[in-house]
Amino acid sequence: MYKKSLMIFLASLFACFSVHAYEGDITKLSLPQMRVALDSKQITSEQLITAYLKNIEKNDKKGKKINAVIYINPDALAQARNFDANNNGKNLPLAGIPFLVKDNINTAGIATTGGTLPLKTSIPQANAFVVQKLIDQGAIVLGKTNLSELAASYGRLGYSSLGGQTVNPFNEKRDASGSSSGSAAAVAMNFAPFALGTDTSGSIRGPASTTATVGLRPSLGLTGRSGVIPLSLSADTVGVITRDVTDQAIVLDVINAVDLNDAATLNLNHLRNIFYKAVTGPVSLVGKRIGIISNFDGGNSDVDKVRDHAAALIKNHGAIIEEIKLPEIFNDLWSPVLGPLGLAEFRPQMNAYLSALPSGSPQNMDEFMQELIKETKNGTYLINPGRFQGLMDNYTTNTTDSAEYISILTNTIPYLRKAFSQIMDENNFDALLFATMRCPPSVRYDKQDLTYKCAASDPYTPSYIASALGLPEISIPGGRDQYNLPVGISFLGRFGDDAEILKLAKAFETVNKNISYK
C-alpha cells in the first residue's frame, strides 16, 4: 500500500524532468526525485553513484578537505550496475540509491572501526540490522563515515585516531559537532543523499544543527541497534541524517522495525509505513500548542535570535505558543543521568560487542586496551587524550551492579519521565521547541577563531532531555548566525510520537525561508 501511494506521488513529479536524460546535478535530487529519475531511466544507479564518488574525490581529501569519509565500498558500482540491468521501472523507494554509514555500524565485508586504531582491521561478517533493512530494499552502501572516536568526543568533536578531523562545510575552522560528524558533513556536501548515524547524547542532532541538515533522534526502540558498537544502550539510538524532512521520513519507514536482537524495539508498536504518509499528507501549524523552552537561553545571542524567529514564525502560521521554564533538574541531565550510565555500561556492553567479532580483532576490553596503547605509540594519528582517559575510566570503573546505576534506572529516570509527561499533559503541548545547541558550531581543537562566542559551559545540555528519557527529537535548519553558520531548531515530543514530530518539522520547513544552505 505504501509503495503504491508513494509511486502515485512520485508520478506527479515526473513532469519536473525532461523525457530525455536528466541534465541537472543529480547529486542534489531529493529521494522522491531520484526514484522517478531511476524508474523512468533518465538516470542510472551507476551514474548516480559515480556522481557522488566524484563529489567525494573532489572535496573529501582534496578541495575543501572535509574528511568525512573513511572507506568507500569497492563493490558499490558493481551493485549499481546490477540494479540497472534489472530495473523494471517498478522499484521500492530506495532501490538503486546509495547511502553512507557511520563507522560504528557494522557493514559486512567493509571494516567497521568506530574510528579507533585497534579495530582498523575489524571486518564484520554480517550487516547491522538497520543496514540490512536498507540493503533488503535495494539501497547501496557507498561507504563509511568518520566520527568522534567510538562515538564520544571529549573535546575533539569529529576527531578519531583512524580518520582524523572532520571539518564543518561552512567554515574550515569549525567542527561539525559529534559524534556523527562525518555523516552530517557528507550529506551537507552532497557526498550521499542520506547517511546513517547514532545518537547517545546529541550525536545526530548536534551534527545536523551545525551542517544545516535534518537529523532525528528516534524514540528509544524505534530502530534496532544490533550490530552497532555500543556506547550506552540505555541511551544509544540509530537514526538518519538527510537534506529535508520528506527524505527523513522515507528512510525512517525502512529502518523502523522490530529487531529481535534488540529488546528495546519491543517497547514500541511499529506501525509500518507511517512516516512518509505523515509528511506528505496535510501538515499545518494551525492550532498546535508548542512550548518554547527558556532554560537554555543566553549561550549565544545569534542562536537565541534564531530560536525567537522560529517561535514567531510558527505563531504567525497559527500555532499557539507558550514560553515555559522547565524544572531546574532538566537544565543539565549529564551528571545525574547520562554520565553515570555511560560510565557503568560501556565496559560490559563493549565486551559483548568485541566477543562477536571475527578472530584477529580484539575479543574483549583487555585485548582492546592493550592494542590501543600500542597503536597510540605507533599510529598515524594519535587518540584524543581526553578520549583515552575516558576509556581508562570506563575500563576501571564500577559497572552495572553499583547502587548509583540501579537508582538512576529505577528512580531517577522514571521520575523524570513522569515530570515530563505532566508538563506536556497539563499544558496540552504537542511539542517543545528550542535551539538544538546553545551555541553555533564550535572551533576545532586544532584551530583558533576569535569570532566564536559561547557563554554556555556545555552547549549540548538541551539534547540531554531526549537522550535521558528516550524521547523523539528532530533538529531542522532554523537560520544562520552573523557569520553564516547554521543554527538548528529542535522539536521534542512524547515517547512514540515520532510521526507527529516529523509532521511539525515538515510544517516548519515549509514556512521557514532560511532552510536553504546551498
Protein backbone atom coordinates (compact mmCIF):
# COMPACT_ATOMS: atom_id res chain seq x y z
CA MET A 1 0.00 0.00 0.00
CA TYR A 2 2.87 2.32 0.91
CA LYS A 3 4.67 1.60 -2.33
CA LYS A 4 1.51 2.30 -4.33
CA SER A 5 0.87 5.65 -2.59
CA LEU A 6 4.50 6.65 -2.95
CA MET A 7 4.57 5.81 -6.64
CA ILE A 8 1.42 7.87 -7.25
CA PHE A 9 3.12 10.81 -5.58
CA LEU A 10 6.34 10.27 -7.47
CA ALA A 11 4.50 10.10 -10.76
CA SER A 12 3.23 13.61 -10.10
CA LEU A 13 6.85 14.75 -10.06
CA PHE A 14 7.61 13.28 -13.47
CA ALA A 15 6.72 16.49 -15.24
CA CYS A 16 9.68 18.12 -13.49
CA PHE A 17 12.03 16.11 -15.71
CA SER A 18 12.74 16.04 -19.40
CA VAL A 19 11.61 12.93 -21.24
CA HIS A 20 15.27 12.59 -22.18
CA ALA A 21 18.21 12.04 -19.84
CA TYR A 22 18.23 14.27 -16.80
CA GLU A 23 20.79 17.04 -17.27
CA GLY A 24 20.94 18.70 -13.83
CA ASP A 25 23.17 17.91 -10.85
CA ILE A 26 21.80 14.51 -9.94
CA THR A 27 23.53 14.53 -6.53
CA LYS A 28 21.12 17.28 -5.39
CA LEU A 29 17.95 15.39 -6.23
CA SER A 30 15.63 14.54 -3.37
CA LEU A 31 14.85 10.87 -2.75
CA PRO A 32 11.44 11.11 -4.47
CA GLN A 33 13.08 12.80 -7.46
CA MET A 34 15.74 10.10 -7.61
CA ARG A 35 13.05 7.43 -7.55
CA VAL A 36 11.31 9.00 -10.55
CA ALA A 37 14.56 9.52 -12.45
CA LEU A 38 15.77 5.98 -11.84
CA ASP A 39 12.46 4.27 -12.60
CA SER A 40 11.97 6.31 -15.77
CA LYS A 41 15.61 5.55 -16.71
CA GLN A 42 16.51 9.19 -17.09
CA ILE A 43 19.48 8.34 -14.90
CA THR A 44 21.10 5.08 -13.88
CA SER A 45 22.22 3.99 -10.46
CA GLU A 46 25.74 3.75 -11.86
CA GLN A 47 25.59 7.40 -12.93
CA LEU A 48 24.24 8.38 -9.53
CA ILE A 49 26.95 6.60 -7.58
CA THR A 50 29.64 7.82 -9.96
CA ALA A 51 28.48 11.40 -9.41
CA TYR A 52 28.65 11.04 -5.63
CA LEU A 53 32.08 9.43 -5.86
CA LYS A 54 33.25 12.42 -7.91
CA ASN A 55 31.98 14.79 -5.19
CA ILE A 56 33.88 12.78 -2.59
CA GLU A 57 37.00 12.73 -4.72
CA LYS A 58 36.78 16.49 -5.23
CA ASN A 59 36.19 17.70 -1.69
CA ASP A 60 36.79 15.00 0.92
CA LYS A 61 40.58 14.55 0.99
CA LYS A 62 41.20 17.34 -1.53
CA GLY A 63 39.50 20.67 -2.27
CA LYS A 64 37.61 21.67 0.89
CA LYS A 65 39.17 18.66 2.70
CA ILE A 66 36.02 17.86 4.65
CA ASN A 67 37.43 14.46 5.67
CA ALA A 68 34.01 12.93 6.21
CA VAL A 69 34.53 9.54 4.56
CA ILE A 70 36.79 6.78 5.93
CA TYR A 71 36.05 3.94 3.48
CA ILE A 72 34.41 3.50 0.08
CA ASN A 73 32.55 0.29 -0.71
CA PRO A 74 34.61 -1.27 -3.53
CA ASP A 75 31.52 -3.13 -4.78
CA ALA A 76 29.21 -0.11 -4.96
CA LEU A 77 29.49 0.43 -8.72
CA ALA A 78 29.02 -3.28 -9.46
CA GLN A 79 25.91 -3.32 -7.28
CA ALA A 80 24.64 -0.25 -9.12
CA ARG A 81 25.16 -1.93 -12.48
CA ASN A 82 23.26 -4.96 -11.24
CA PHE A 83 20.33 -2.74 -10.27
CA ASP A 84 20.40 -1.04 -13.68
CA ALA A 85 20.42 -4.37 -15.50
CA ASN A 86 17.29 -5.46 -13.62
CA ASN A 87 15.47 -2.12 -13.44
CA ASN A 88 11.87 -2.75 -14.50
CA GLY A 89 10.66 0.72 -13.55
CA LYS A 90 8.71 -0.57 -10.55
CA ASN A 91 11.09 -0.40 -7.63
CA LEU A 92 10.95 0.06 -3.89
CA PRO A 93 11.54 3.65 -2.70
CA LEU A 94 15.29 3.32 -2.04
CA ALA A 95 16.31 0.73 -4.63
CA GLY A 96 19.46 1.71 -6.50
CA ILE A 97 20.07 4.71 -4.23
CA PRO A 98 23.39 5.00 -2.34
CA PHE A 99 23.86 5.87 1.31
CA LEU A 100 26.72 6.30 3.76
CA VAL A 101 27.07 4.58 7.12
CA LYS A 102 28.66 5.91 10.30
CA ASP A 103 31.68 3.76 11.02
CA ASN A 104 30.37 2.37 14.29
CA ILE A 105 27.60 0.50 12.44
CA ASN A 106 28.52 -2.93 11.08
CA THR A 107 28.83 -3.43 7.33
CA ALA A 108 29.56 -6.93 6.09
CA GLY A 109 32.83 -7.11 4.18
CA ILE A 110 33.75 -3.49 4.94
CA ALA A 111 35.76 -2.53 8.01
CA THR A 112 33.79 -1.18 10.97
CA THR A 113 36.25 0.58 13.23
CA GLY A 114 34.49 3.16 15.37
CA GLY A 115 37.34 5.38 14.18
CA THR A 116 39.72 3.64 16.57
CA LEU A 117 43.02 2.07 15.56
CA PRO A 118 42.60 -1.21 17.49
CA LEU A 119 39.65 -2.06 15.22
CA LYS A 120 41.27 -0.95 11.95
CA THR A 121 41.15 -4.49 10.53
CA SER A 122 37.80 -5.47 12.03
CA ILE A 123 35.56 -6.63 9.17
CA PRO A 124 32.14 -7.85 10.36
CA GLN A 125 30.61 -10.93 8.81
CA ALA A 126 27.08 -9.53 8.91
CA ASN A 127 25.41 -6.15 8.49
CA ALA A 128 23.88 -4.26 11.36
CA PHE A 129 20.10 -4.60 11.48
CA VAL A 130 19.42 -1.14 10.07
CA VAL A 131 21.95 -1.54 7.24
CA GLN A 132 20.40 -4.86 6.25
CA LYS A 133 16.92 -3.33 6.19
CA LEU A 134 18.14 -0.77 3.66
CA ILE A 135 20.03 -3.31 1.58
CA ASP A 136 16.97 -5.58 1.52
CA GLN A 137 15.13 -2.75 -0.21
CA GLY A 138 17.89 -2.38 -2.79
CA ALA A 139 19.76 0.61 -1.34
CA ILE A 140 23.53 0.51 -1.87
CA VAL A 141 26.19 1.13 0.77
CA LEU A 142 28.50 3.77 -0.68
CA GLY A 143 30.97 3.85 2.19
CA LYS A 144 31.65 4.61 5.86
CA THR A 145 31.86 7.98 7.58
CA ASN A 146 34.22 9.41 10.17
CA LEU A 147 33.08 10.06 13.74
CA SER A 148 34.27 11.06 17.16
CA GLU A 149 36.26 8.04 18.31
CA LEU A 150 33.92 5.28 19.49
CA ALA A 151 31.12 7.87 19.33
CA ALA A 152 32.40 10.04 22.20
CA SER A 153 34.07 13.40 21.58
CA TYR A 154 35.80 14.52 24.79
CA GLY A 155 36.51 17.97 23.38
CA ARG A 156 37.52 16.89 19.86
CA LEU A 157 34.24 16.74 18.00
CA GLY A 158 34.50 14.70 14.83
CA TYR A 159 38.06 13.54 15.50
CA SER A 160 39.18 9.92 15.51
CA SER A 161 42.63 8.34 15.65
CA LEU A 162 41.88 6.40 12.48
CA GLY A 163 40.01 9.03 10.47
CA GLY A 164 41.43 12.33 11.68
CA GLN A 165 39.34 15.53 11.93
CA THR A 166 36.07 16.09 10.06
CA VAL A 167 35.64 19.72 9.01
CA ASN A 168 32.48 21.81 9.00
CA PRO A 169 31.48 22.52 5.35
CA PHE A 170 30.59 26.13 6.23
CA ASN A 171 33.86 27.13 7.92
CA GLU A 172 37.07 25.13 7.92
CA LYS A 173 37.96 26.43 11.40
CA ARG A 174 34.82 24.91 12.91
CA ASP A 175 33.86 21.32 13.60
CA ALA A 176 30.71 19.52 12.51
CA SER A 177 29.81 18.63 16.10
CA GLY A 178 29.85 14.98 17.12
CA SER A 179 29.81 12.16 17.08
CA SER A 180 28.03 11.62 13.73
CA SER A 181 30.17 14.38 12.23
CA GLY A 182 31.14 12.58 9.05
CA SER A 183 27.58 11.53 8.26
CA ALA A 184 26.23 15.08 8.61
CA ALA A 185 29.10 16.79 6.78
CA ALA A 186 28.85 14.23 3.97
CA VAL A 187 25.14 14.87 3.44
CA ALA A 188 25.70 18.64 3.57
CA MET A 189 28.42 18.28 0.90
CA ASN A 190 26.29 16.05 -1.37
CA PHE A 191 28.55 13.05 -0.87
CA ALA A 192 25.36 10.97 -0.47
CA PRO A 193 21.62 11.70 -0.26
CA PHE A 194 21.44 10.34 3.29
CA ALA A 195 23.65 8.78 5.92
CA LEU A 196 23.08 6.63 8.98
CA GLY A 197 24.23 7.94 12.35
CA THR A 198 23.93 7.13 16.02
CA ASP A 199 22.85 9.36 18.88
CA THR A 200 23.54 8.82 22.58
CA SER A 201 23.60 12.35 23.98
CA GLY A 202 23.22 14.53 20.88
CA SER A 203 25.34 12.81 18.24
CA ILE A 204 22.80 13.10 15.41
CA ARG A 205 21.12 16.34 16.43
CA GLY A 206 24.31 18.33 17.05
CA PRO A 207 25.89 17.45 13.68
CA ALA A 208 22.59 18.16 11.90
CA SER A 209 22.34 21.55 13.60
CA THR A 210 25.88 22.56 12.62
CA THR A 211 25.63 21.43 8.98
CA ALA A 212 22.12 22.63 8.01
CA THR A 213 20.82 19.10 7.64
CA VAL A 214 17.88 17.27 9.22
CA GLY A 215 18.54 14.76 11.99
CA LEU A 216 16.04 12.82 14.07
CA ARG A 217 16.82 11.05 17.30
CA PRO A 218 14.00 8.47 17.27
CA SER A 219 12.13 7.25 20.32
CA LEU A 220 14.27 4.64 22.02
CA GLY A 221 13.39 1.33 20.37
CA LEU A 222 12.02 2.67 17.10
CA THR A 223 15.16 1.48 15.30
CA GLY A 224 17.22 -1.62 16.03
CA ARG A 225 20.76 -1.41 17.37
CA SER A 226 22.12 -4.91 16.86
CA GLY A 227 25.45 -4.78 15.05
CA VAL A 228 26.29 -1.30 16.38
CA ILE A 229 29.33 -0.56 18.55
CA PRO A 230 27.70 0.42 21.87
CA LEU A 231 28.37 3.45 23.99
CA SER A 232 25.49 3.22 26.47
CA LEU A 233 22.49 1.12 25.50
CA SER A 234 20.25 2.99 27.91
CA ALA A 235 20.54 5.95 25.53
CA ASP A 236 22.03 4.70 22.23
CA THR A 237 19.83 5.11 19.16
CA VAL A 238 20.29 4.72 15.42
CA GLY A 239 18.91 7.38 13.10
CA VAL A 240 19.44 9.10 9.79
CA ILE A 241 20.71 12.44 8.54
CA THR A 242 19.04 13.84 5.43
CA ARG A 243 18.69 17.07 3.48
CA ASP A 244 14.98 17.54 4.20
CA VAL A 245 12.13 16.14 6.25
CA THR A 246 10.49 14.13 3.46
CA ASP A 247 13.73 12.24 2.81
CA GLN A 248 13.98 11.63 6.55
CA ALA A 249 10.53 10.06 6.60
CA ILE A 250 11.23 7.81 3.59
CA VAL A 251 14.34 6.30 5.20
CA LEU A 252 12.71 6.01 8.61
CA ASP A 253 9.90 3.95 7.09
CA VAL A 254 12.51 1.39 6.07
CA ILE A 255 14.62 1.18 9.23
CA ASN A 256 11.71 1.40 11.69
CA ALA A 257 11.17 -2.26 12.60
CA VAL A 258 11.38 -4.84 15.38
CA ASP A 259 14.93 -6.09 15.81
CA LEU A 260 14.76 -9.47 17.53
CA ASN A 261 18.29 -8.94 18.84
CA ASP A 262 17.37 -5.62 20.47
CA ALA A 263 14.78 -5.89 23.22
CA ALA A 264 14.21 -2.13 23.23
CA THR A 265 12.39 -2.43 19.89
CA LEU A 266 9.67 -4.45 21.61
CA ASN A 267 8.60 -1.34 23.58
CA LEU A 268 7.01 0.36 20.57
CA ASN A 269 4.18 -0.55 18.25
CA HIS A 270 5.98 -0.45 14.91
CA LEU A 271 3.28 0.86 12.63
CA ARG A 272 4.57 0.27 9.16
CA ASN A 273 4.94 2.94 6.50
CA ILE A 274 3.50 5.81 8.53
CA PHE A 275 6.21 8.45 8.29
CA TYR A 276 6.12 9.22 4.58
CA LYS A 277 2.34 9.37 4.72
CA ALA A 278 2.56 11.72 7.72
CA VAL A 279 4.75 14.31 5.99
CA THR A 280 3.14 14.16 2.55
CA GLY A 281 -0.38 14.42 3.88
CA PRO A 282 -1.83 17.68 5.21
CA VAL A 283 0.65 19.36 7.56
CA SER A 284 -0.15 22.54 9.41
CA LEU A 285 0.91 24.54 12.42
CA VAL A 286 -2.61 25.87 12.97
CA GLY A 287 -3.82 25.09 16.47
CA LYS A 288 -0.66 23.26 17.51
CA ARG A 289 0.37 24.02 21.08
CA ILE A 290 4.12 24.49 21.31
CA GLY A 291 6.08 25.16 24.48
CA ILE A 292 9.06 27.47 23.93
CA ILE A 293 11.74 26.39 26.42
CA SER A 294 13.67 29.26 28.03
CA ASN A 295 16.02 27.16 30.19
CA PHE A 296 18.81 27.22 27.64
CA ASP A 297 18.81 30.89 26.66
CA GLY A 298 21.94 33.00 26.95
CA GLY A 299 24.56 30.79 25.36
CA ASN A 300 24.82 32.89 22.22
CA SER A 301 22.71 35.86 21.15
CA ASP A 302 22.57 34.80 17.48
CA VAL A 303 21.29 31.37 18.45
CA ASP A 304 18.66 32.91 20.71
CA LYS A 305 17.54 35.16 17.84
CA VAL A 306 17.09 32.17 15.53
CA ARG A 307 15.03 30.44 18.21
CA ASP A 308 12.93 33.58 18.68
CA HIS A 309 12.44 33.81 14.90
CA ALA A 310 11.26 30.21 14.82
CA ALA A 311 8.81 30.82 17.67
CA ALA A 312 7.41 33.93 15.99
CA LEU A 313 7.17 32.12 12.68
CA ILE A 314 5.14 29.21 13.96
CA LYS A 315 2.91 31.62 15.89
CA ASN A 316 2.32 33.66 12.73
CA HIS A 317 1.27 30.45 10.98
CA GLY A 318 -1.33 29.53 13.54
CA ALA A 319 0.48 27.74 16.34
CA ILE A 320 -0.32 28.57 19.95
CA ILE A 321 2.97 29.19 21.73
CA GLU A 322 3.73 29.48 25.41
CA GLU A 323 7.13 30.21 26.92
CA ILE A 324 7.91 27.70 29.62
CA LYS A 325 10.77 27.16 32.03
CA LEU A 326 11.29 23.51 32.84
CA PRO A 327 12.08 22.43 36.42
CA GLU A 328 15.74 23.03 37.26
CA ILE A 329 16.66 19.35 37.14
CA PHE A 330 16.13 19.42 33.36
CA ASN A 331 18.82 22.09 32.92
CA ASP A 332 21.59 19.51 32.73
CA LEU A 333 20.93 15.76 32.82
CA TRP A 334 24.53 14.76 32.19
CA SER A 335 25.76 14.42 35.76
CA PRO A 336 22.60 12.90 37.28
CA VAL A 337 21.83 10.50 34.41
CA LEU A 338 23.81 10.19 31.19
CA GLY A 339 27.35 10.43 32.53
CA PRO A 340 26.99 7.72 35.19
CA LEU A 341 25.03 5.46 32.81
CA GLY A 342 27.76 5.66 30.19
CA LEU A 343 30.49 5.09 32.75
CA ALA A 344 28.76 1.96 34.04
CA GLU A 345 27.55 0.42 30.79
CA PHE A 346 30.39 0.85 28.31
CA ARG A 347 32.74 -1.90 29.51
CA PRO A 348 30.27 -4.83 29.70
CA GLN A 349 28.44 -3.78 26.54
CA MET A 350 31.68 -3.25 24.61
CA ASN A 351 32.90 -6.65 25.79
CA ALA A 352 29.75 -8.21 24.35
CA TYR A 353 30.32 -6.46 21.01
CA LEU A 354 34.01 -7.41 20.82
CA SER A 355 33.32 -11.05 21.67
CA ALA A 356 31.26 -11.38 18.48
CA LEU A 357 33.99 -10.06 16.16
CA PRO A 358 35.95 -12.39 13.86
CA SER A 359 39.27 -13.75 15.09
CA GLY A 360 42.11 -11.31 14.63
CA SER A 361 40.12 -8.47 16.19
CA PRO A 362 40.22 -7.72 19.93
CA GLN A 363 37.83 -10.11 21.64
CA ASN A 364 37.45 -8.19 24.90
CA MET A 365 38.36 -4.89 26.55
CA ASP A 366 41.65 -6.27 27.88
CA GLU A 367 42.84 -7.02 24.35
CA PHE A 368 41.37 -3.75 23.04
CA MET A 369 43.20 -1.62 25.60
CA GLN A 370 46.49 -3.45 25.02
CA GLU A 371 46.19 -2.77 21.29
CA LEU A 372 45.14 0.83 21.89
CA ILE A 373 48.21 1.55 23.98
CA LYS A 374 50.41 0.04 21.29
CA GLU A 375 48.70 1.98 18.49
CA THR A 376 48.87 5.21 20.47
CA LYS A 377 52.64 4.99 20.21
CA ASN A 378 52.83 3.90 16.58
CA GLY A 379 49.65 5.07 14.83
CA THR A 380 49.47 7.67 12.06
CA TYR A 381 47.02 9.61 14.21
CA LEU A 382 47.12 9.57 18.00
CA ILE A 383 43.96 9.11 20.00
CA ASN A 384 42.47 12.20 21.60
CA PRO A 385 43.99 12.27 25.13
CA GLY A 386 40.58 13.01 26.63
CA ARG A 387 39.06 10.03 24.84
CA PHE A 388 41.89 7.82 26.06
CA GLN A 389 41.28 8.92 29.64
CA GLY A 390 37.59 8.27 29.17
CA LEU A 391 38.33 4.73 28.04
CA MET A 392 40.58 4.22 31.06
CA ASP A 393 37.79 5.46 33.32
CA ASN A 394 35.32 3.10 31.61
CA TYR A 395 37.80 0.27 31.95
CA THR A 396 38.38 0.64 35.68
CA THR A 397 35.04 1.90 37.00
CA ASN A 398 32.33 0.02 38.83
CA THR A 399 29.78 -1.26 36.37
CA THR A 400 26.09 -2.08 36.31
CA ASP A 401 25.93 -3.58 39.79
CA SER A 402 26.54 -0.24 41.52
CA ALA A 403 23.85 1.30 43.74
CA GLU A 404 24.08 4.59 41.82
CA TYR A 405 23.46 2.91 38.47
CA ILE A 406 20.49 0.92 39.74
CA SER A 407 19.00 4.01 41.39
CA ILE A 408 19.23 6.01 38.15
CA LEU A 409 17.33 3.33 36.23
CA THR A 410 14.72 2.60 38.88
CA ASN A 411 14.21 6.04 40.45
CA THR A 412 15.69 8.99 38.56
CA ILE A 413 14.61 8.20 35.01
CA PRO A 414 11.03 7.16 35.94
CA TYR A 415 10.70 10.37 37.98
CA LEU A 416 11.92 12.49 35.07
CA ARG A 417 9.61 10.76 32.60
CA LYS A 418 6.64 11.35 34.88
CA ALA A 419 7.58 15.01 35.35
CA PHE A 420 7.97 15.50 31.61
CA SER A 421 4.62 13.85 30.86
CA GLN A 422 2.93 16.06 33.46
CA ILE A 423 4.30 19.19 31.82
CA MET A 424 3.11 18.06 28.40
CA ASP A 425 -0.31 16.96 29.64
CA GLU A 426 -1.06 19.93 31.90
CA ASN A 427 -0.25 22.37 29.08
CA ASN A 428 -1.67 20.18 26.33
CA PHE A 429 1.57 20.66 24.39
CA ASP A 430 2.09 18.96 21.05
CA ALA A 431 5.84 19.55 21.31
CA LEU A 432 8.53 21.67 22.90
CA LEU A 433 10.74 23.95 20.81
CA PHE A 434 14.30 25.18 21.47
CA ALA A 435 17.62 25.73 19.71
CA THR A 436 19.23 22.33 19.21
CA MET A 437 22.52 23.64 20.57
CA ARG A 438 23.09 26.67 22.78
CA CYS A 439 25.93 27.94 20.58
CA PRO A 440 26.99 27.85 16.92
CA PRO A 441 29.44 25.22 15.60
CA SER A 442 32.47 25.18 17.88
CA VAL A 443 36.08 25.82 16.94
CA ARG A 444 38.16 22.79 16.02
CA TYR A 445 40.57 21.72 18.73
CA ASP A 446 43.49 22.45 16.37
CA LYS A 447 42.34 25.91 15.18
CA GLN A 448 41.64 29.37 16.55
CA ASP A 449 38.63 31.53 15.69
CA LEU A 450 38.01 34.64 17.76
CA THR A 451 34.56 35.10 16.20
CA TYR A 452 33.23 32.13 18.20
CA LYS A 453 31.13 33.26 21.16
CA CYS A 454 29.64 30.84 23.67
CA ALA A 455 28.65 31.66 27.25
CA ALA A 456 27.41 28.13 27.93
CA SER A 457 29.75 25.73 29.72
CA ASP A 458 28.08 22.88 27.80
CA PRO A 459 26.29 23.79 24.53
CA TYR A 460 24.67 20.34 24.38
CA THR A 461 22.52 20.45 27.52
CA PRO A 462 19.23 20.84 25.57
CA SER A 463 19.84 17.48 23.88
CA TYR A 464 20.16 15.56 27.14
CA ILE A 465 16.42 15.57 27.81
CA ALA A 466 15.56 13.35 24.85
CA SER A 467 18.63 11.19 25.48
CA ALA A 468 17.90 10.54 29.15
CA LEU A 469 14.17 9.94 28.65
CA GLY A 470 14.25 8.10 25.32
CA LEU A 471 12.13 10.73 23.56
CA PRO A 472 11.97 11.74 19.88
CA GLU A 473 13.68 14.99 18.92
CA ILE A 474 14.31 16.35 15.45
CA SER A 475 16.80 19.07 14.54
CA ILE A 476 15.92 21.08 11.45
CA PRO A 477 17.66 24.13 9.93
CA GLY A 478 16.32 27.26 11.59
CA GLY A 479 18.57 30.04 10.38
CA ARG A 480 22.13 31.31 10.46
CA ASP A 481 24.30 33.30 12.80
CA GLN A 482 26.01 36.53 11.76
CA TYR A 483 28.90 34.54 10.27
CA ASN A 484 26.59 32.49 8.05
CA LEU A 485 26.91 29.35 10.18
CA PRO A 486 23.87 27.10 10.54
CA VAL A 487 21.68 27.08 13.63
CA GLY A 488 19.30 24.18 14.15
CA ILE A 489 15.87 24.26 15.79
CA SER A 490 14.55 21.24 17.66
CA PHE A 491 11.05 19.88 18.19
CA LEU A 492 10.82 17.48 21.16
CA GLY A 493 7.82 15.25 21.69
CA ARG A 494 6.33 12.46 23.76
CA PHE A 495 7.64 8.91 23.60
CA GLY A 496 6.40 7.22 20.42
CA ASP A 497 5.22 10.47 18.82
CA ASP A 498 7.89 10.38 16.11
CA ALA A 499 5.38 10.78 13.27
CA GLU A 500 3.84 13.85 14.90
CA ILE A 501 7.26 15.39 15.44
CA LEU A 502 8.08 14.80 11.77
CA LYS A 503 4.82 16.50 10.76
CA LEU A 504 5.63 19.56 12.85
CA ALA A 505 9.13 19.68 11.37
CA LYS A 506 7.69 19.42 7.87
CA ALA A 507 5.25 22.24 8.57
CA PHE A 508 8.07 24.41 9.93
CA GLU A 509 10.31 23.54 6.99
CA THR A 510 7.54 24.59 4.61
CA VAL A 511 7.13 28.05 6.09
CA ASN A 512 10.71 28.82 7.09
CA LYS A 513 12.54 30.73 4.38
CA ASN A 514 16.01 30.16 5.87
CA ILE A 515 16.31 26.43 5.27
CA SER A 516 18.37 26.53 2.10
CA TYR A 517 22.15 26.46 2.51
CA LYS A 518 23.23 25.51 -1.00
